[in-house]
Amino acid sequence: MFFNTIILAVSSSIDSLSIGITYGINNTKISNFAKLVLFLVSFCFSTISIWLGNLIKSFFSNFFANCIGTCILIFMGLFIVFQAINNPKSSDLDNSNDIDAKESLILGIALSLDSICIGIGGSIIGINPTFFPFLVSIFQFVFLWLGIFSGFKLRNFFKVSDNIWSIISGILLIVLGISKLLF
């Protein structure tokens, strides 16, 4: 159960790495307060998704609820892979190369939209409801920081595709969903 929780938290958060790399390459900074806003938005959305998943689970048998959760994970994974379009620069509304608290709220909501479906599906299949919101928020913060750091270092060498992390995230969800169907 804890391994699935970690995989889902990483999958929910890995987009932050590509956004951070893009910000680093473009020399866009995120204030500490804005990072706190991102953390809190992520935590709130993840907590709500766990609650919604548990609500759905209470209406159906365990078998049917697991089927629903598994399908949500697989379809969300497919959606992420096929969508694979990020435009993190659009979060910098005033083109200041600095993400402030208001802009981080918008970015946090955008980053947390997939974690809603992932959290709902995950709570239905039995992830750890206590650790998931914390792990999503922590991984999002760490991936964003690593991405910005890497982007600053890499900006003189080459441009990293934003889509690669979304595709990896989607594939992780599909694999986890299929493994839940098989085992």
N, C-alpha and C. Protein backbone atom coordinates (compact mmCIF):
# COMPACT_ATOMS: atom_id res chain seq x y z
N MET A 1 0.83 -1.19 0.00
CA MET A 1 0.00 0.00 0.00
C MET A 1 0.87 1.25 0.00
N PHE A 2 1.94 1.28 0.79
CA PHE A 2 2.78 2.47 0.87
C PHE A 2 3.54 2.69 -0.43
N PHE A 3 3.96 1.60 -1.09
CA PHE A 3 4.66 1.72 -2.38
C PHE A 3 3.74 2.37 -3.41
N ASN A 4 2.47 1.92 -3.47
CA ASN A 4 1.51 2.53 -4.40
C ASN A 4 1.28 4.00 -4.08
N THR A 5 1.27 4.34 -2.79
CA THR A 5 1.10 5.73 -2.38
C THR A 5 2.25 6.58 -2.90
N ILE A 6 3.47 6.07 -2.78
CA ILE A 6 4.64 6.80 -3.27
C ILE A 6 4.59 6.96 -4.79
N ILE A 7 4.28 5.87 -5.49
CA ILE A 7 4.21 5.93 -6.96
C ILE A 7 3.16 6.96 -7.41
N LEU A 8 2.00 6.94 -6.79
CA LEU A 8 0.95 7.90 -7.16
C LEU A 8 1.34 9.33 -6.80
N ALA A 9 2.01 9.52 -5.68
CA ALA A 9 2.45 10.87 -5.29
C ALA A 9 3.49 11.40 -6.26
N VAL A 10 4.42 10.54 -6.67
CA VAL A 10 5.44 10.95 -7.66
C VAL A 10 4.75 11.28 -8.99
N SER A 11 3.83 10.42 -9.40
CA SER A 11 3.13 10.65 -10.65
C SER A 11 2.33 11.95 -10.63
N SER A 12 1.74 12.26 -9.48
CA SER A 12 0.97 13.50 -9.34
C SER A 12 1.85 14.73 -9.38
N SER A 13 3.11 14.57 -8.99
CA SER A 13 3.99 15.72 -8.76
C SER A 13 5.05 15.93 -9.82
N ILE A 14 5.29 14.95 -10.66
CA ILE A 14 6.46 15.00 -11.54
C ILE A 14 6.39 16.12 -12.57
N ASP A 15 5.18 16.60 -12.88
CA ASP A 15 5.07 17.74 -13.80
C ASP A 15 5.81 18.96 -13.25
N SER A 16 5.93 19.04 -11.94
CA SER A 16 6.64 20.17 -11.32
C SER A 16 8.10 20.20 -11.75
N LEU A 17 8.67 19.04 -12.04
CA LEU A 17 10.06 19.00 -12.49
C LEU A 17 10.22 19.69 -13.84
N SER A 18 9.34 19.36 -14.78
CA SER A 18 9.46 19.98 -16.10
C SER A 18 9.15 21.47 -16.04
N ILE A 19 8.20 21.85 -15.19
CA ILE A 19 7.89 23.27 -15.04
C ILE A 19 9.08 24.00 -14.41
N GLY A 20 9.68 23.38 -13.40
CA GLY A 20 10.87 23.96 -12.77
C GLY A 20 12.02 24.11 -13.76
N ILE A 21 12.24 23.09 -14.59
CA ILE A 21 13.31 23.17 -15.59
C ILE A 21 13.03 24.32 -16.55
N THR A 22 11.79 24.44 -16.98
CA THR A 22 11.42 25.53 -17.88
C THR A 22 11.65 26.89 -17.21
N TYR A 23 11.24 27.00 -15.95
CA TYR A 23 11.47 28.25 -15.23
C TYR A 23 12.95 28.54 -15.09
N GLY A 24 13.73 27.52 -14.77
CA GLY A 24 15.18 27.72 -14.62
C GLY A 24 15.83 28.14 -15.92
N ILE A 25 15.45 27.50 -17.01
CA ILE A 25 16.01 27.85 -18.32
C ILE A 25 15.63 29.28 -18.69
N ASN A 26 14.41 29.69 -18.34
CA ASN A 26 13.94 31.05 -18.65
C ASN A 26 14.29 32.06 -17.57
N ASN A 27 15.05 31.63 -16.57
CA ASN A 27 15.49 32.49 -15.47
C ASN A 27 14.30 33.10 -14.71
N THR A 28 13.23 32.32 -14.57
CA THR A 28 12.06 32.74 -13.81
C THR A 28 12.21 32.25 -12.39
N LYS A 29 11.99 33.13 -11.44
CA LYS A 29 12.16 32.78 -10.03
C LYS A 29 10.80 32.63 -9.34
N ILE A 30 10.78 31.81 -8.30
CA ILE A 30 9.58 31.63 -7.49
C ILE A 30 9.93 32.01 -6.06
N SER A 31 9.19 32.97 -5.51
CA SER A 31 9.47 33.42 -4.15
C SER A 31 9.17 32.31 -3.15
N ASN A 32 9.74 32.43 -1.96
CA ASN A 32 9.49 31.43 -0.91
C ASN A 32 8.02 31.40 -0.52
N PHE A 33 7.38 32.57 -0.46
CA PHE A 33 5.96 32.61 -0.13
C PHE A 33 5.15 31.92 -1.22
N ALA A 34 5.52 32.12 -2.48
CA ALA A 34 4.83 31.47 -3.60
C ALA A 34 5.01 29.95 -3.51
N LYS A 35 6.17 29.49 -3.10
CA LYS A 35 6.39 28.05 -2.92
C LYS A 35 5.51 27.49 -1.81
N LEU A 36 5.33 28.27 -0.75
CA LEU A 36 4.44 27.86 0.33
C LEU A 36 3.00 27.76 -0.17
N VAL A 37 2.57 28.72 -0.97
CA VAL A 37 1.23 28.69 -1.55
C VAL A 37 1.06 27.43 -2.40
N LEU A 38 2.07 27.11 -3.23
CA LEU A 38 2.02 25.90 -4.05
C LEU A 38 1.87 24.65 -3.18
N PHE A 39 2.63 24.59 -2.10
CA PHE A 39 2.59 23.45 -1.18
C PHE A 39 1.19 23.31 -0.59
N LEU A 40 0.62 24.41 -0.11
CA LEU A 40 -0.70 24.37 0.53
C LEU A 40 -1.81 24.02 -0.45
N VAL A 41 -1.76 24.57 -1.66
CA VAL A 41 -2.77 24.25 -2.67
C VAL A 41 -2.70 22.76 -3.01
N SER A 42 -1.51 22.26 -3.19
CA SER A 42 -1.32 20.84 -3.50
C SER A 42 -1.86 19.96 -2.38
N PHE A 43 -1.55 20.33 -1.14
CA PHE A 43 -2.01 19.56 0.02
C PHE A 43 -3.54 19.56 0.09
N CYS A 44 -4.16 20.71 -0.11
CA CYS A 44 -5.62 20.81 -0.04
C CYS A 44 -6.29 19.99 -1.13
N PHE A 45 -5.80 20.11 -2.37
CA PHE A 45 -6.41 19.36 -3.46
C PHE A 45 -6.24 17.86 -3.25
N SER A 46 -5.09 17.43 -2.77
CA SER A 46 -4.85 16.00 -2.53
C SER A 46 -5.74 15.47 -1.42
N THR A 47 -5.91 16.26 -0.38
CA THR A 47 -6.77 15.85 0.73
C THR A 47 -8.22 15.72 0.28
N ILE A 48 -8.69 16.69 -0.50
CA ILE A 48 -10.06 16.64 -1.02
C ILE A 48 -10.24 15.42 -1.92
N SER A 49 -9.23 15.12 -2.73
CA SER A 49 -9.36 13.96 -3.63
C SER A 49 -9.46 12.65 -2.85
N ILE A 50 -8.71 12.53 -1.76
CA ILE A 50 -8.79 11.34 -0.92
C ILE A 50 -10.19 11.23 -0.32
N TRP A 51 -10.72 12.33 0.15
CA TRP A 51 -12.07 12.34 0.73
C TRP A 51 -13.10 11.91 -0.31
N LEU A 52 -13.00 12.46 -1.53
CA LEU A 52 -13.94 12.10 -2.59
C LEU A 52 -13.84 10.62 -2.95
N GLY A 53 -12.61 10.11 -3.02
CA GLY A 53 -12.43 8.69 -3.32
C GLY A 53 -13.04 7.80 -2.26
N ASN A 54 -12.86 8.17 -1.00
CA ASN A 54 -13.46 7.39 0.09
C ASN A 54 -14.98 7.46 0.05
N LEU A 55 -15.51 8.61 -0.35
CA LEU A 55 -16.96 8.76 -0.49
C LEU A 55 -17.49 7.83 -1.58
N ILE A 56 -16.83 7.82 -2.71
CA ILE A 56 -17.22 6.93 -3.82
C ILE A 56 -17.13 5.47 -3.38
N LYS A 57 -16.05 5.15 -2.67
CA LYS A 57 -15.82 3.77 -2.21
C LYS A 57 -16.93 3.30 -1.26
N SER A 58 -17.50 4.22 -0.51
CA SER A 58 -18.53 3.84 0.45
C SER A 58 -19.86 3.46 -0.22
N PHE A 59 -20.05 3.84 -1.48
CA PHE A 59 -21.30 3.55 -2.18
C PHE A 59 -21.27 2.24 -2.97
N PHE A 60 -20.09 1.68 -3.18
CA PHE A 60 -19.97 0.51 -4.04
C PHE A 60 -19.28 -0.63 -3.30
N SER A 61 -19.44 -1.84 -3.82
CA SER A 61 -18.73 -2.99 -3.27
C SER A 61 -17.23 -2.80 -3.49
N ASN A 62 -16.42 -3.51 -2.72
CA ASN A 62 -14.97 -3.39 -2.86
C ASN A 62 -14.51 -3.70 -4.27
N PHE A 63 -15.06 -4.76 -4.86
CA PHE A 63 -14.66 -5.15 -6.21
C PHE A 63 -14.98 -4.05 -7.22
N PHE A 64 -16.21 -3.54 -7.18
CA PHE A 64 -16.63 -2.52 -8.13
C PHE A 64 -15.86 -1.21 -7.89
N ALA A 65 -15.66 -0.86 -6.62
CA ALA A 65 -14.89 0.36 -6.30
C ALA A 65 -13.47 0.24 -6.81
N ASN A 66 -12.84 -0.94 -6.65
CA ASN A 66 -11.49 -1.15 -7.18
C ASN A 66 -11.45 -1.03 -8.69
N CYS A 67 -12.48 -1.54 -9.35
CA CYS A 67 -12.56 -1.41 -10.81
C CYS A 67 -12.66 0.06 -11.21
N ILE A 68 -13.49 0.82 -10.50
CA ILE A 68 -13.63 2.25 -10.78
C ILE A 68 -12.28 2.96 -10.57
N GLY A 69 -11.64 2.72 -9.44
CA GLY A 69 -10.36 3.36 -9.14
C GLY A 69 -9.29 3.01 -10.16
N THR A 70 -9.25 1.75 -10.55
CA THR A 70 -8.27 1.30 -11.55
C THR A 70 -8.53 1.98 -12.89
N CYS A 71 -9.79 2.03 -13.29
CA CYS A 71 -10.12 2.69 -14.56
C CYS A 71 -9.78 4.18 -14.53
N ILE A 72 -10.04 4.82 -13.40
CA ILE A 72 -9.68 6.25 -13.29
C ILE A 72 -8.17 6.42 -13.48
N LEU A 73 -7.37 5.56 -12.84
CA LEU A 73 -5.91 5.68 -12.97
C LEU A 73 -5.46 5.45 -14.41
N ILE A 74 -5.99 4.41 -15.04
CA ILE A 74 -5.59 4.11 -16.43
C ILE A 74 -6.01 5.23 -17.37
N PHE A 75 -7.26 5.68 -17.26
CA PHE A 75 -7.73 6.75 -18.16
C PHE A 75 -7.01 8.07 -17.89
N MET A 76 -6.72 8.36 -16.62
CA MET A 76 -5.96 9.58 -16.31
C MET A 76 -4.56 9.48 -16.90
N GLY A 77 -3.95 8.31 -16.80
CA GLY A 77 -2.63 8.10 -17.40
C GLY A 77 -2.65 8.29 -18.90
N LEU A 78 -3.65 7.70 -19.55
CA LEU A 78 -3.79 7.88 -21.00
C LEU A 78 -4.01 9.34 -21.36
N PHE A 79 -4.85 10.03 -20.58
CA PHE A 79 -5.12 11.44 -20.83
C PHE A 79 -3.83 12.27 -20.72
N ILE A 80 -3.05 12.00 -19.67
CA ILE A 80 -1.81 12.75 -19.46
C ILE A 80 -0.83 12.50 -20.60
N VAL A 81 -0.71 11.23 -21.01
CA VAL A 81 0.22 10.90 -22.10
C VAL A 81 -0.21 11.61 -23.38
N PHE A 82 -1.49 11.54 -23.70
CA PHE A 82 -1.95 12.14 -24.96
C PHE A 82 -2.00 13.66 -24.89
N GLN A 83 -2.26 14.20 -23.73
CA GLN A 83 -2.29 15.66 -23.59
C GLN A 83 -0.87 16.21 -23.69
N ALA A 84 -0.03 15.79 -22.74
CA ALA A 84 1.41 16.11 -22.70
C ALA A 84 1.74 17.51 -23.21
N ILE A 85 0.88 18.45 -22.89
CA ILE A 85 1.12 19.84 -23.30
C ILE A 85 1.17 20.68 -22.04
N ASN A 86 2.34 21.28 -21.77
CA ASN A 86 2.48 22.20 -20.64
C ASN A 86 2.94 23.53 -21.17
N ASN A 87 2.42 24.58 -20.62
CA ASN A 87 2.90 25.91 -20.94
C ASN A 87 3.11 26.66 -19.63
N PRO A 88 4.14 26.25 -18.84
CA PRO A 88 4.31 26.85 -17.52
C PRO A 88 4.64 28.33 -17.58
N LYS A 89 5.18 28.81 -18.67
CA LYS A 89 5.51 30.23 -18.77
C LYS A 89 4.24 31.07 -18.66
N SER A 90 3.08 30.47 -19.04
CA SER A 90 1.84 31.24 -18.98
C SER A 90 1.42 31.56 -17.55
N SER A 91 2.00 30.90 -16.55
CA SER A 91 1.68 31.23 -15.16
C SER A 91 2.30 32.55 -14.74
N ASP A 92 3.31 33.01 -15.43
CA ASP A 92 3.94 34.30 -15.15
C ASP A 92 3.11 35.38 -15.84
N LEU A 93 2.00 35.76 -15.21
CA LEU A 93 1.02 36.63 -15.85
C LEU A 93 1.55 38.01 -16.19
N ASP A 94 2.44 38.53 -15.35
CA ASP A 94 2.94 39.89 -15.59
C ASP A 94 4.29 39.90 -16.32
N ASN A 95 4.75 38.74 -16.79
CA ASN A 95 6.01 38.60 -17.53
C ASN A 95 7.20 39.22 -16.80
N SER A 96 7.20 39.08 -15.47
CA SER A 96 8.26 39.66 -14.66
C SER A 96 9.41 38.71 -14.42
N ASN A 97 9.30 37.47 -14.88
CA ASN A 97 10.26 36.41 -14.58
C ASN A 97 10.35 36.14 -13.08
N ASP A 98 9.24 36.39 -12.40
CA ASP A 98 9.14 36.12 -10.96
C ASP A 98 7.70 35.69 -10.67
N ILE A 99 7.54 34.47 -10.16
CA ILE A 99 6.20 33.97 -9.84
C ILE A 99 5.86 34.43 -8.43
N ASP A 100 4.84 35.31 -8.33
CA ASP A 100 4.44 35.80 -7.01
C ASP A 100 3.34 34.90 -6.43
N ALA A 101 2.80 35.28 -5.29
CA ALA A 101 1.82 34.44 -4.58
C ALA A 101 0.56 34.23 -5.41
N LYS A 102 0.05 35.30 -6.06
CA LYS A 102 -1.17 35.17 -6.87
C LYS A 102 -0.93 34.22 -8.05
N GLU A 103 0.19 34.39 -8.72
CA GLU A 103 0.51 33.52 -9.86
C GLU A 103 0.76 32.09 -9.40
N SER A 104 1.32 31.93 -8.19
CA SER A 104 1.58 30.57 -7.70
C SER A 104 0.27 29.87 -7.35
N LEU A 105 -0.75 30.63 -6.97
CA LEU A 105 -2.06 30.03 -6.72
C LEU A 105 -2.61 29.42 -8.01
N ILE A 106 -2.50 30.16 -9.09
CA ILE A 106 -2.95 29.66 -10.40
C ILE A 106 -2.12 28.45 -10.82
N LEU A 107 -0.81 28.53 -10.66
CA LEU A 107 0.08 27.42 -10.99
C LEU A 107 -0.23 26.21 -10.11
N GLY A 108 -0.46 26.44 -8.82
CA GLY A 108 -0.77 25.34 -7.90
C GLY A 108 -2.04 24.61 -8.29
N ILE A 109 -3.05 25.37 -8.70
CA ILE A 109 -4.31 24.75 -9.13
C ILE A 109 -4.07 23.94 -10.40
N ALA A 110 -3.32 24.51 -11.34
CA ALA A 110 -3.04 23.78 -12.58
C ALA A 110 -2.26 22.50 -12.31
N LEU A 111 -1.28 22.57 -11.42
CA LEU A 111 -0.48 21.38 -11.09
C LEU A 111 -1.28 20.35 -10.32
N SER A 112 -2.31 20.78 -9.61
CA SER A 112 -3.06 19.87 -8.74
C SER A 112 -4.26 19.23 -9.42
N LEU A 113 -4.60 19.65 -10.62
CA LEU A 113 -5.79 19.09 -11.27
C LEU A 113 -5.66 17.58 -11.49
N ASP A 114 -4.46 17.11 -11.94
CA ASP A 114 -4.36 15.67 -12.12
C ASP A 114 -4.33 14.95 -10.79
N SER A 115 -3.83 15.60 -9.74
CA SER A 115 -3.78 14.90 -8.45
C SER A 115 -5.18 14.67 -7.88
N ILE A 116 -6.17 15.44 -8.35
CA ILE A 116 -7.55 15.17 -7.91
C ILE A 116 -7.99 13.79 -8.41
N CYS A 117 -7.87 13.57 -9.70
CA CYS A 117 -8.27 12.27 -10.25
C CYS A 117 -7.39 11.15 -9.71
N ILE A 118 -6.10 11.41 -9.62
CA ILE A 118 -5.18 10.39 -9.11
C ILE A 118 -5.50 10.07 -7.66
N GLY A 119 -5.78 11.07 -6.86
CA GLY A 119 -6.13 10.85 -5.46
C GLY A 119 -7.44 10.12 -5.29
N ILE A 120 -8.42 10.46 -6.12
CA ILE A 120 -9.71 9.75 -6.07
C ILE A 120 -9.50 8.27 -6.41
N GLY A 121 -8.85 8.03 -7.54
CA GLY A 121 -8.60 6.65 -7.95
C GLY A 121 -7.74 5.91 -6.95
N GLY A 122 -6.73 6.59 -6.44
CA GLY A 122 -5.82 5.97 -5.47
C GLY A 122 -6.50 5.62 -4.16
N SER A 123 -7.36 6.51 -3.68
CA SER A 123 -8.02 6.20 -2.40
C SER A 123 -9.00 5.05 -2.56
N ILE A 124 -9.57 4.92 -3.74
CA ILE A 124 -10.48 3.81 -4.00
C ILE A 124 -9.71 2.48 -4.00
N ILE A 125 -8.50 2.47 -4.56
CA ILE A 125 -7.74 1.21 -4.60
C ILE A 125 -6.93 0.99 -3.33
N GLY A 126 -6.96 1.94 -2.40
CA GLY A 126 -6.39 1.68 -1.09
C GLY A 126 -5.02 2.27 -0.79
N ILE A 127 -4.71 3.48 -1.31
CA ILE A 127 -3.45 4.11 -0.91
C ILE A 127 -3.58 4.65 0.50
N ASN A 128 -2.47 5.03 1.08
CA ASN A 128 -2.45 5.56 2.43
C ASN A 128 -3.01 6.99 2.43
N PRO A 129 -4.20 7.20 3.01
CA PRO A 129 -4.83 8.51 2.94
C PRO A 129 -4.16 9.58 3.78
N THR A 130 -3.36 9.18 4.75
CA THR A 130 -2.67 10.15 5.60
C THR A 130 -1.43 10.69 4.90
N PHE A 131 -0.65 9.80 4.30
CA PHE A 131 0.62 10.22 3.72
C PHE A 131 0.50 10.81 2.33
N PHE A 132 -0.53 10.43 1.56
CA PHE A 132 -0.64 10.88 0.18
C PHE A 132 -0.58 12.41 0.03
N PRO A 133 -1.41 13.19 0.73
CA PRO A 133 -1.34 14.65 0.56
C PRO A 133 0.03 15.22 0.92
N PHE A 134 0.64 14.69 1.99
CA PHE A 134 1.97 15.17 2.37
C PHE A 134 3.01 14.83 1.30
N LEU A 135 2.96 13.58 0.81
CA LEU A 135 3.93 13.16 -0.20
C LEU A 135 3.77 13.94 -1.50
N VAL A 136 2.54 14.16 -1.93
CA VAL A 136 2.31 14.93 -3.16
C VAL A 136 2.89 16.33 -3.00
N SER A 137 2.60 16.97 -1.88
CA SER A 137 3.07 18.34 -1.65
C SER A 137 4.59 18.40 -1.55
N ILE A 138 5.17 17.45 -0.85
CA ILE A 138 6.64 17.42 -0.70
C ILE A 138 7.31 17.13 -2.03
N PHE A 139 6.83 16.11 -2.76
CA PHE A 139 7.42 15.80 -4.06
C PHE A 139 7.27 16.97 -5.02
N GLN A 140 6.12 17.63 -5.00
CA GLN A 140 5.92 18.78 -5.88
C GLN A 140 6.94 19.88 -5.57
N PHE A 141 7.14 20.15 -4.30
CA PHE A 141 8.11 21.17 -3.88
C PHE A 141 9.53 20.76 -4.29
N VAL A 142 9.89 19.51 -4.01
CA VAL A 142 11.25 19.03 -4.33
C VAL A 142 11.48 19.01 -5.84
N PHE A 143 10.51 18.49 -6.60
CA PHE A 143 10.66 18.44 -8.06
C PHE A 143 10.76 19.84 -8.65
N LEU A 144 9.98 20.77 -8.13
CA LEU A 144 10.03 22.14 -8.62
C LEU A 144 11.41 22.74 -8.35
N TRP A 145 11.90 22.54 -7.13
CA TRP A 145 13.21 23.08 -6.76
C TRP A 145 14.32 22.43 -7.61
N LEU A 146 14.28 21.11 -7.75
CA LEU A 146 15.28 20.42 -8.58
C LEU A 146 15.21 20.88 -10.03
N GLY A 147 13.99 21.07 -10.52
CA GLY A 147 13.82 21.53 -11.89
C GLY A 147 14.39 22.92 -12.11
N ILE A 148 14.10 23.83 -11.19
CA ILE A 148 14.63 25.19 -11.32
C ILE A 148 16.16 25.17 -11.26
N PHE A 149 16.69 24.43 -10.31
CA PHE A 149 18.15 24.32 -10.18
C PHE A 149 18.76 23.74 -11.45
N SER A 150 18.18 22.66 -11.96
CA SER A 150 18.69 22.03 -13.18
C SER A 150 18.55 22.96 -14.38
N GLY A 151 17.41 23.64 -14.46
CA GLY A 151 17.18 24.55 -15.57
C GLY A 151 18.20 25.68 -15.61
N PHE A 152 18.54 26.22 -14.42
CA PHE A 152 19.57 27.27 -14.37
C PHE A 152 20.90 26.72 -14.90
N LYS A 153 21.22 25.49 -14.54
CA LYS A 153 22.48 24.88 -14.97
C LYS A 153 22.46 24.51 -16.45
N LEU A 154 21.31 24.08 -16.94
CA LEU A 154 21.22 23.57 -18.31
C LEU A 154 20.90 24.62 -19.37
N ARG A 155 20.49 25.80 -18.95
CA ARG A 155 19.98 26.76 -19.93
C ARG A 155 20.98 27.16 -20.98
N ASN A 156 22.27 26.99 -20.72
CA ASN A 156 23.28 27.33 -21.72
C ASN A 156 23.58 26.17 -22.66
N PHE A 157 23.06 24.97 -22.35
CA PHE A 157 23.42 23.81 -23.15
C PHE A 157 22.33 23.38 -24.13
N PHE A 158 21.12 23.15 -23.65
CA PHE A 158 20.04 22.70 -24.52
C PHE A 158 18.69 22.91 -23.86
N LYS A 159 17.66 22.88 -24.66
CA LYS A 159 16.28 23.01 -24.16
C LYS A 159 15.73 21.62 -23.89
N VAL A 160 15.17 21.43 -22.71
CA VAL A 160 14.58 20.15 -22.30
C VAL A 160 13.10 20.18 -22.64
N SER A 161 12.61 19.12 -23.24
CA SER A 161 11.20 19.04 -23.59
C SER A 161 10.33 18.94 -22.35
N ASP A 162 9.30 19.78 -22.28
CA ASP A 162 8.37 19.75 -21.15
C ASP A 162 7.54 18.46 -21.15
N ASN A 163 7.30 17.92 -22.31
CA ASN A 163 6.39 16.78 -22.44
C ASN A 163 6.92 15.49 -21.84
N ILE A 164 8.22 15.33 -21.74
CA ILE A 164 8.79 14.05 -21.30
C ILE A 164 8.30 13.67 -19.90
N TRP A 165 8.22 14.63 -18.99
CA TRP A 165 7.81 14.31 -17.62
C TRP A 165 6.33 13.99 -17.54
N SER A 166 5.53 14.65 -18.36
CA SER A 166 4.11 14.33 -18.41
C SER A 166 3.90 12.92 -18.94
N ILE A 167 4.66 12.56 -19.95
CA ILE A 167 4.54 11.21 -20.52
C ILE A 167 4.94 10.16 -19.50
N ILE A 168 6.04 10.39 -18.77
CA ILE A 168 6.47 9.46 -17.73
C ILE A 168 5.39 9.34 -16.65
N SER A 169 4.82 10.45 -16.25
CA SER A 169 3.75 10.45 -15.24
C SER A 169 2.57 9.60 -15.71
N GLY A 170 2.14 9.81 -16.95
CA GLY A 170 1.02 9.06 -17.49
C GLY A 170 1.31 7.57 -17.58
N ILE A 171 2.51 7.23 -18.01
CA ILE A 171 2.89 5.81 -18.10
C ILE A 171 2.89 5.16 -16.73
N LEU A 172 3.38 5.86 -15.70
CA LEU A 172 3.35 5.31 -14.34
C LEU A 172 1.92 5.01 -13.90
N LEU A 173 0.99 5.90 -14.21
CA LEU A 173 -0.41 5.68 -13.84
C LEU A 173 -1.00 4.48 -14.57
N ILE A 174 -0.71 4.37 -15.85
CA ILE A 174 -1.22 3.25 -16.64
C ILE A 174 -0.69 1.92 -16.09
N VAL A 175 0.62 1.87 -15.83
CA VAL A 175 1.24 0.64 -15.30
C VAL A 175 0.64 0.28 -13.95
N LEU A 176 0.48 1.27 -13.08
CA LEU A 176 -0.09 1.00 -11.76
C LEU A 176 -1.53 0.51 -11.88
N GLY A 177 -2.31 1.15 -12.75
CA GLY A 177 -3.70 0.72 -12.95
C GLY A 177 -3.78 -0.69 -13.50
N ILE A 178 -2.96 -1.01 -14.49
CA ILE A 178 -2.96 -2.36 -15.06
C ILE A 178 -2.50 -3.39 -14.03
N SER A 179 -1.49 -3.02 -13.21
CA SER A 179 -1.03 -3.96 -12.19
C SER A 179 -2.13 -4.23 -11.16
N LYS A 180 -2.95 -3.24 -10.87
CA LYS A 180 -4.06 -3.44 -9.94
C LYS A 180 -5.13 -4.35 -10.54
N LEU A 181 -5.29 -4.29 -11.86
CA LEU A 181 -6.24 -5.19 -12.52
C LEU A 181 -5.74 -6.63 -12.50
N LEU A 182 -4.45 -6.80 -12.66
CA LEU A 182 -3.87 -8.14 -12.75
C LEU A 182 -3.65 -8.80 -11.41
N PHE A 183 -3.40 -8.02 -10.39
CA PHE A 183 -3.03 -8.62 -9.09
C PHE A 183 -4.04 -8.30 -8.04
